[in-house]
N, C-alpha and C. Protein backbone atom coordinates (compact mmCIF):
# COMPACT_ATOMS: atom_id res chain seq x y z
N MET A 1 0.85 -1.18 0.00
CA MET A 1 0.00 0.00 0.00
C MET A 1 0.89 1.24 0.00
N GLU A 2 0.53 2.21 -0.82
CA GLU A 2 1.31 3.44 -0.95
C GLU A 2 1.03 4.36 0.24
N GLU A 3 2.09 4.94 0.81
CA GLU A 3 1.97 5.84 1.96
C GLU A 3 1.46 7.20 1.49
N LYS A 4 0.48 7.73 2.21
CA LYS A 4 -0.08 9.04 1.89
C LYS A 4 0.78 10.13 2.51
N VAL A 5 0.80 11.30 1.87
CA VAL A 5 1.48 12.44 2.47
C VAL A 5 0.57 12.98 3.58
N PRO A 6 1.12 13.66 4.57
CA PRO A 6 0.31 14.11 5.71
C PRO A 6 -0.92 14.94 5.31
N GLU A 7 -0.81 15.79 4.30
CA GLU A 7 -1.94 16.61 3.89
C GLU A 7 -3.10 15.75 3.39
N GLU A 8 -2.78 14.66 2.70
CA GLU A 8 -3.84 13.75 2.23
C GLU A 8 -4.51 13.05 3.39
N ASN A 9 -3.71 12.60 4.37
CA ASN A 9 -4.28 11.98 5.57
C ASN A 9 -5.19 12.97 6.30
N LEU A 10 -4.71 14.20 6.45
CA LEU A 10 -5.48 15.24 7.12
C LEU A 10 -6.80 15.48 6.40
N ARG A 11 -6.74 15.70 5.10
CA ARG A 11 -7.94 15.96 4.30
C ARG A 11 -8.94 14.81 4.43
N GLN A 12 -8.46 13.60 4.29
CA GLN A 12 -9.35 12.44 4.35
C GLN A 12 -10.06 12.34 5.69
N VAL A 13 -9.32 12.47 6.78
CA VAL A 13 -9.93 12.34 8.11
C VAL A 13 -10.90 13.49 8.38
N LEU A 14 -10.50 14.72 8.07
CA LEU A 14 -11.38 15.85 8.38
C LEU A 14 -12.65 15.86 7.53
N MET A 15 -12.56 15.38 6.30
CA MET A 15 -13.74 15.39 5.43
C MET A 15 -14.65 14.19 5.67
N GLU A 16 -14.10 13.04 6.01
CA GLU A 16 -14.90 11.83 6.14
C GLU A 16 -15.50 11.61 7.53
N GLN A 17 -14.86 12.11 8.55
CA GLN A 17 -15.34 11.86 9.91
C GLN A 17 -16.28 12.98 10.37
N GLY A 18 -17.29 12.62 11.13
CA GLY A 18 -18.25 13.60 11.62
C GLY A 18 -18.15 13.88 13.11
N LEU A 19 -17.50 12.97 13.83
CA LEU A 19 -17.38 13.12 15.28
C LEU A 19 -15.92 13.25 15.69
N ALA A 20 -15.72 13.92 16.80
CA ALA A 20 -14.37 14.13 17.32
C ALA A 20 -14.45 14.21 18.84
N VAL A 21 -13.30 14.20 19.48
CA VAL A 21 -13.22 14.34 20.93
C VAL A 21 -12.57 15.69 21.23
N LEU A 22 -13.29 16.52 21.96
CA LEU A 22 -12.81 17.82 22.39
C LEU A 22 -12.20 17.67 23.78
N ALA A 23 -10.98 18.18 23.96
CA ALA A 23 -10.32 18.16 25.27
C ALA A 23 -10.15 19.60 25.76
N THR A 24 -10.71 19.86 26.94
CA THR A 24 -10.56 21.16 27.60
C THR A 24 -10.01 20.88 29.00
N GLU A 25 -9.82 21.93 29.77
CA GLU A 25 -9.37 21.74 31.15
C GLU A 25 -9.91 22.86 32.03
N LYS A 26 -10.03 22.52 33.30
CA LYS A 26 -10.44 23.51 34.31
C LYS A 26 -9.62 23.26 35.55
N GLU A 27 -8.88 24.27 35.95
CA GLU A 27 -8.05 24.20 37.15
C GLU A 27 -7.13 22.98 37.14
N GLY A 28 -6.58 22.69 35.95
CA GLY A 28 -5.64 21.60 35.81
C GLY A 28 -6.24 20.23 35.59
N ASP A 29 -7.56 20.12 35.67
CA ASP A 29 -8.22 18.84 35.45
C ASP A 29 -8.69 18.74 34.00
N PRO A 30 -8.28 17.68 33.27
CA PRO A 30 -8.72 17.52 31.89
C PRO A 30 -10.18 17.08 31.81
N TYR A 31 -10.81 17.42 30.70
CA TYR A 31 -12.20 17.07 30.48
C TYR A 31 -12.40 16.84 28.99
N THR A 32 -13.06 15.74 28.62
CA THR A 32 -13.28 15.44 27.21
C THR A 32 -14.77 15.29 26.91
N ASN A 33 -15.12 15.61 25.67
CA ASN A 33 -16.49 15.51 25.18
C ASN A 33 -16.49 15.03 23.74
N LEU A 34 -17.53 14.32 23.38
CA LEU A 34 -17.75 13.97 21.99
C LEU A 34 -18.48 15.12 21.33
N ILE A 35 -18.00 15.56 20.16
CA ILE A 35 -18.63 16.67 19.44
C ILE A 35 -18.82 16.28 17.97
N ALA A 36 -19.80 16.92 17.34
CA ALA A 36 -19.99 16.83 15.89
C ALA A 36 -19.34 18.08 15.31
N PHE A 37 -18.44 17.93 14.35
CA PHE A 37 -17.65 19.06 13.88
C PHE A 37 -17.73 19.20 12.36
N ALA A 38 -17.26 20.34 11.90
CA ALA A 38 -17.07 20.59 10.47
C ALA A 38 -15.81 21.44 10.33
N ALA A 39 -15.08 21.23 9.23
CA ALA A 39 -13.84 21.97 8.97
C ALA A 39 -14.02 22.86 7.75
N THR A 40 -13.31 23.98 7.74
CA THR A 40 -13.30 24.83 6.55
C THR A 40 -12.44 24.16 5.48
N GLU A 41 -12.58 24.62 4.25
CA GLU A 41 -11.84 24.03 3.12
C GLU A 41 -10.33 24.07 3.32
N ASP A 42 -9.84 25.13 3.95
CA ASP A 42 -8.39 25.26 4.18
C ASP A 42 -7.94 24.60 5.49
N PHE A 43 -8.89 24.03 6.23
CA PHE A 43 -8.64 23.32 7.48
C PHE A 43 -8.10 24.20 8.60
N LYS A 44 -8.19 25.51 8.45
CA LYS A 44 -7.69 26.42 9.48
C LYS A 44 -8.69 26.66 10.60
N LYS A 45 -9.94 26.28 10.36
CA LYS A 45 -10.99 26.47 11.36
C LYS A 45 -11.84 25.20 11.47
N LEU A 46 -12.18 24.87 12.71
CA LEU A 46 -13.10 23.77 13.00
C LEU A 46 -14.28 24.35 13.77
N PHE A 47 -15.49 23.93 13.41
CA PHE A 47 -16.71 24.40 14.06
C PHE A 47 -17.40 23.27 14.80
N PHE A 48 -18.03 23.59 15.92
CA PHE A 48 -18.93 22.67 16.60
C PHE A 48 -19.96 23.50 17.35
N VAL A 49 -20.99 22.83 17.84
CA VAL A 49 -22.08 23.52 18.53
C VAL A 49 -22.26 22.88 19.89
N THR A 50 -22.54 23.71 20.88
CA THR A 50 -22.78 23.21 22.23
C THR A 50 -23.80 24.09 22.94
N PRO A 51 -24.61 23.53 23.80
CA PRO A 51 -25.46 24.38 24.64
C PRO A 51 -24.57 25.22 25.56
N ARG A 52 -25.02 26.40 25.88
CA ARG A 52 -24.23 27.30 26.71
C ARG A 52 -24.15 26.85 28.18
N PHE A 53 -25.03 26.00 28.62
CA PHE A 53 -25.04 25.58 30.03
C PHE A 53 -24.22 24.33 30.28
N THR A 54 -23.31 23.97 29.38
CA THR A 54 -22.50 22.76 29.55
C THR A 54 -21.15 23.04 30.20
N ARG A 55 -20.56 21.99 30.71
CA ARG A 55 -19.22 22.09 31.29
C ARG A 55 -18.19 22.46 30.21
N LYS A 56 -18.35 21.90 29.00
CA LYS A 56 -17.37 22.22 27.95
C LYS A 56 -17.42 23.71 27.62
N TYR A 57 -18.62 24.29 27.58
CA TYR A 57 -18.75 25.72 27.29
C TYR A 57 -18.08 26.54 28.39
N SER A 58 -18.35 26.22 29.64
CA SER A 58 -17.75 27.00 30.73
C SER A 58 -16.24 26.81 30.78
N ASN A 59 -15.75 25.61 30.47
CA ASN A 59 -14.30 25.40 30.43
C ASN A 59 -13.66 26.25 29.34
N ILE A 60 -14.29 26.34 28.19
CA ILE A 60 -13.76 27.15 27.08
C ILE A 60 -13.76 28.63 27.46
N GLN A 61 -14.75 29.07 28.20
CA GLN A 61 -14.79 30.47 28.62
C GLN A 61 -13.62 30.80 29.56
N LEU A 62 -13.19 29.81 30.35
CA LEU A 62 -12.07 30.01 31.28
C LEU A 62 -10.72 29.92 30.59
N SER A 63 -10.59 28.98 29.65
CA SER A 63 -9.35 28.80 28.92
C SER A 63 -9.69 28.44 27.48
N HIS A 64 -9.33 29.32 26.56
CA HIS A 64 -9.68 29.11 25.16
C HIS A 64 -8.83 28.04 24.48
N ASN A 65 -7.70 27.69 25.08
CA ASN A 65 -6.84 26.68 24.48
C ASN A 65 -7.44 25.29 24.67
N ALA A 66 -7.43 24.52 23.59
CA ALA A 66 -8.01 23.18 23.63
C ALA A 66 -7.41 22.34 22.52
N SER A 67 -7.78 21.07 22.51
CA SER A 67 -7.40 20.21 21.40
C SER A 67 -8.62 19.39 20.99
N ILE A 68 -8.62 19.01 19.73
CA ILE A 68 -9.69 18.19 19.17
C ILE A 68 -9.03 17.01 18.48
N LEU A 69 -9.44 15.80 18.87
CA LEU A 69 -8.91 14.58 18.28
C LEU A 69 -9.95 13.98 17.35
N ILE A 70 -9.53 13.74 16.11
CA ILE A 70 -10.38 13.13 15.09
C ILE A 70 -9.63 11.92 14.56
N ASP A 71 -10.30 10.78 14.48
CA ASP A 71 -9.62 9.59 13.96
C ASP A 71 -10.56 8.79 13.07
N ASN A 72 -9.98 7.85 12.35
CA ASN A 72 -10.77 7.02 11.43
C ASN A 72 -10.66 5.54 11.77
N ARG A 73 -10.51 5.23 13.03
CA ARG A 73 -10.35 3.82 13.42
C ARG A 73 -11.65 3.05 13.21
N SER A 74 -11.47 1.76 13.04
CA SER A 74 -12.61 0.86 12.83
C SER A 74 -12.73 -0.17 13.93
N ASN A 75 -11.90 -0.05 14.95
CA ASN A 75 -11.87 -1.00 16.07
C ASN A 75 -11.55 -2.43 15.62
N THR A 76 -10.60 -2.52 14.70
CA THR A 76 -10.10 -3.83 14.26
C THR A 76 -8.57 -3.82 14.36
N ILE A 77 -7.98 -4.98 14.24
CA ILE A 77 -6.52 -5.10 14.31
C ILE A 77 -5.85 -4.26 13.23
N SER A 78 -6.49 -4.09 12.10
CA SER A 78 -5.88 -3.32 11.00
C SER A 78 -5.65 -1.86 11.38
N ASP A 79 -6.31 -1.37 12.43
CA ASP A 79 -6.10 0.01 12.87
C ASP A 79 -4.64 0.28 13.20
N PHE A 80 -3.91 -0.73 13.66
CA PHE A 80 -2.52 -0.52 14.04
C PHE A 80 -1.67 -0.09 12.84
N LYS A 81 -2.08 -0.43 11.63
CA LYS A 81 -1.32 0.02 10.46
C LYS A 81 -2.10 0.98 9.57
N ASP A 82 -3.44 0.97 9.66
CA ASP A 82 -4.25 1.75 8.72
C ASP A 82 -4.89 3.01 9.30
N ALA A 83 -5.09 3.07 10.60
CA ALA A 83 -5.81 4.20 11.18
C ALA A 83 -4.96 5.46 11.21
N THR A 84 -5.65 6.59 11.10
CA THR A 84 -5.02 7.90 11.21
C THR A 84 -5.71 8.66 12.34
N ALA A 85 -4.92 9.29 13.19
CA ALA A 85 -5.43 10.15 14.26
C ALA A 85 -4.90 11.55 14.03
N VAL A 86 -5.79 12.51 14.07
CA VAL A 86 -5.44 13.92 13.86
C VAL A 86 -5.75 14.68 15.14
N ASN A 87 -4.75 15.34 15.68
CA ASN A 87 -4.94 16.19 16.86
C ASN A 87 -4.82 17.63 16.42
N ALA A 88 -5.94 18.36 16.50
CA ALA A 88 -5.95 19.79 16.19
C ALA A 88 -5.76 20.55 17.49
N MET A 89 -4.83 21.50 17.48
CA MET A 89 -4.56 22.30 18.66
C MET A 89 -4.75 23.77 18.32
N GLY A 90 -5.44 24.49 19.21
CA GLY A 90 -5.67 25.90 18.94
C GLY A 90 -6.55 26.54 20.00
N ALA A 91 -7.05 27.70 19.66
CA ALA A 91 -7.90 28.47 20.56
C ALA A 91 -9.34 28.42 20.05
N ILE A 92 -10.28 28.26 21.00
CA ILE A 92 -11.70 28.17 20.67
C ILE A 92 -12.41 29.38 21.24
N ARG A 93 -13.35 29.88 20.46
CA ARG A 93 -14.20 30.98 20.94
C ARG A 93 -15.59 30.84 20.33
N GLU A 94 -16.55 31.44 21.00
CA GLU A 94 -17.90 31.46 20.45
C GLU A 94 -17.94 32.48 19.31
N VAL A 95 -18.63 32.14 18.24
CA VAL A 95 -18.79 33.05 17.10
C VAL A 95 -20.27 33.23 16.80
N ASP A 96 -20.59 34.36 16.17
CA ASP A 96 -21.96 34.58 15.73
C ASP A 96 -22.35 33.52 14.72
N LYS A 97 -23.62 33.22 14.67
CA LYS A 97 -24.12 32.23 13.71
C LYS A 97 -24.28 32.89 12.35
N GLU A 98 -23.14 33.32 11.80
CA GLU A 98 -23.12 33.95 10.48
C GLU A 98 -23.51 32.92 9.42
N PRO A 99 -24.18 33.37 8.35
CA PRO A 99 -24.61 32.42 7.32
C PRO A 99 -23.47 31.54 6.78
N SER A 100 -22.29 32.09 6.58
CA SER A 100 -21.20 31.27 6.03
C SER A 100 -20.77 30.18 7.03
N PHE A 101 -20.75 30.50 8.32
CA PHE A 101 -20.40 29.51 9.33
C PHE A 101 -21.49 28.45 9.44
N VAL A 102 -22.75 28.90 9.45
CA VAL A 102 -23.89 27.98 9.54
C VAL A 102 -23.90 27.04 8.35
N ASP A 103 -23.71 27.59 7.15
CA ASP A 103 -23.69 26.76 5.93
C ASP A 103 -22.55 25.74 5.98
N GLN A 104 -21.39 26.17 6.44
CA GLN A 104 -20.24 25.28 6.55
C GLN A 104 -20.56 24.12 7.48
N TYR A 105 -21.14 24.42 8.61
CA TYR A 105 -21.46 23.39 9.60
C TYR A 105 -22.56 22.46 9.09
N LEU A 106 -23.64 23.05 8.57
CA LEU A 106 -24.77 22.23 8.14
C LEU A 106 -24.49 21.42 6.89
N SER A 107 -23.49 21.81 6.10
CA SER A 107 -23.14 21.00 4.93
C SER A 107 -22.62 19.63 5.37
N LYS A 108 -22.05 19.57 6.56
CA LYS A 108 -21.55 18.30 7.08
C LYS A 108 -22.49 17.67 8.10
N GLN A 109 -23.22 18.50 8.83
CA GLN A 109 -24.08 18.03 9.92
C GLN A 109 -25.53 18.50 9.73
N PRO A 110 -26.16 18.21 8.58
CA PRO A 110 -27.52 18.73 8.33
C PRO A 110 -28.56 18.26 9.34
N HIS A 111 -28.36 17.11 9.94
CA HIS A 111 -29.29 16.57 10.93
C HIS A 111 -29.28 17.36 12.25
N LEU A 112 -28.32 18.28 12.41
CA LEU A 112 -28.22 19.07 13.63
C LEU A 112 -28.72 20.51 13.46
N GLU A 113 -29.48 20.77 12.41
CA GLU A 113 -29.95 22.14 12.13
C GLU A 113 -30.77 22.70 13.29
N LYS A 114 -31.70 21.94 13.82
CA LYS A 114 -32.54 22.43 14.91
C LYS A 114 -31.68 22.74 16.15
N PHE A 115 -30.74 21.86 16.44
CA PHE A 115 -29.82 22.06 17.57
C PHE A 115 -28.99 23.32 17.37
N LEU A 116 -28.44 23.51 16.18
CA LEU A 116 -27.63 24.69 15.88
C LEU A 116 -28.44 25.98 16.02
N LYS A 117 -29.68 25.96 15.54
CA LYS A 117 -30.48 27.19 15.51
C LYS A 117 -31.18 27.48 16.84
N SER A 118 -31.05 26.60 17.80
CA SER A 118 -31.65 26.84 19.11
C SER A 118 -30.98 28.05 19.77
N PRO A 119 -31.76 28.94 20.38
CA PRO A 119 -31.17 30.12 21.05
C PRO A 119 -30.21 29.75 22.18
N SER A 120 -30.37 28.56 22.76
CA SER A 120 -29.49 28.17 23.87
C SER A 120 -28.18 27.54 23.39
N SER A 121 -28.06 27.32 22.07
CA SER A 121 -26.84 26.71 21.53
C SER A 121 -25.86 27.77 21.05
N ALA A 122 -24.60 27.50 21.30
CA ALA A 122 -23.53 28.40 20.88
C ALA A 122 -22.74 27.74 19.75
N MET A 123 -22.39 28.52 18.73
CA MET A 123 -21.51 28.03 17.67
C MET A 123 -20.09 28.37 18.10
N MET A 124 -19.25 27.35 18.12
CA MET A 124 -17.88 27.50 18.57
C MET A 124 -16.94 27.29 17.39
N MET A 125 -15.84 28.02 17.40
CA MET A 125 -14.86 27.90 16.32
C MET A 125 -13.46 27.78 16.91
N MET A 126 -12.75 26.76 16.46
CA MET A 126 -11.33 26.63 16.82
C MET A 126 -10.52 27.20 15.67
N GLU A 127 -9.62 28.11 15.98
CA GLU A 127 -8.62 28.57 15.01
C GLU A 127 -7.41 27.67 15.25
N VAL A 128 -7.19 26.77 14.30
CA VAL A 128 -6.17 25.75 14.46
C VAL A 128 -4.78 26.35 14.31
N LYS A 129 -3.94 26.11 15.29
CA LYS A 129 -2.55 26.55 15.22
C LYS A 129 -1.67 25.46 14.62
N LYS A 130 -1.99 24.21 14.98
CA LYS A 130 -1.22 23.09 14.42
C LYS A 130 -2.03 21.82 14.46
N TYR A 131 -1.65 20.93 13.57
CA TYR A 131 -2.18 19.57 13.55
C TYR A 131 -1.02 18.62 13.83
N ILE A 132 -1.29 17.60 14.61
CA ILE A 132 -0.35 16.50 14.78
C ILE A 132 -1.06 15.27 14.20
N ILE A 133 -0.46 14.69 13.19
CA ILE A 133 -1.07 13.59 12.45
C ILE A 133 -0.28 12.31 12.72
N ALA A 134 -0.97 11.31 13.27
CA ALA A 134 -0.33 10.03 13.56
C ALA A 134 -0.92 8.96 12.65
N THR A 135 -0.03 8.25 11.95
CA THR A 135 -0.44 7.16 11.07
C THR A 135 0.34 5.91 11.43
N SER A 136 -0.16 4.78 11.02
CA SER A 136 0.51 3.50 11.27
C SER A 136 0.93 3.35 12.73
N PHE A 137 0.11 3.88 13.61
CA PHE A 137 0.25 3.75 15.05
C PHE A 137 1.40 4.56 15.66
N GLN A 138 2.46 4.87 14.86
CA GLN A 138 3.59 5.57 15.46
C GLN A 138 4.28 6.58 14.56
N ASN A 139 3.87 6.71 13.31
CA ASN A 139 4.45 7.73 12.44
C ASN A 139 3.75 9.05 12.72
N VAL A 140 4.47 10.04 13.21
CA VAL A 140 3.88 11.29 13.64
C VAL A 140 4.48 12.45 12.87
N VAL A 141 3.60 13.31 12.34
CA VAL A 141 4.02 14.49 11.60
C VAL A 141 3.28 15.68 12.19
N GLU A 142 4.02 16.78 12.39
CA GLU A 142 3.42 18.01 12.91
C GLU A 142 3.31 19.02 11.79
N MET A 143 2.12 19.63 11.65
CA MET A 143 1.88 20.66 10.63
C MET A 143 1.49 21.94 11.32
N ASN A 144 2.38 22.94 11.32
CA ASN A 144 2.07 24.25 11.90
C ASN A 144 1.34 25.07 10.86
N LEU A 145 0.24 25.70 11.26
CA LEU A 145 -0.54 26.52 10.34
C LEU A 145 -0.22 28.00 10.50
N ARG A 146 0.53 28.35 11.52
CA ARG A 146 0.87 29.77 11.74
C ARG A 146 2.35 29.91 11.89
């Protein structure tokens, strides 16, 4: 099997996967959540939606730095050589539900339109500073975007 370049691995995982794990922290304690996300075409921004009364929202308000892990594992032995894990690192902030952001998100997550448009839901955006891409269980490449 031909080895993909990191950008191809990144593109494939970000475009094909719909769920990711968001990692935040509060007072030194880590906290993770499953989120439904969408990426911009240039992969510099990741969007997700959360109710404002959640722990993840309050953690982000305290510290904007976070990471998002996206992977394409299938929970089989072949994952040790075939799976790709992408760790996006950057700052997250709430953004207005601008039409371009809403369209970007709903193009990938159309089933979440009612959730997104709820007044109690916040649209969040990560400005990605770097991606760390792991393939074949131990091949790691870092891509700085800034």
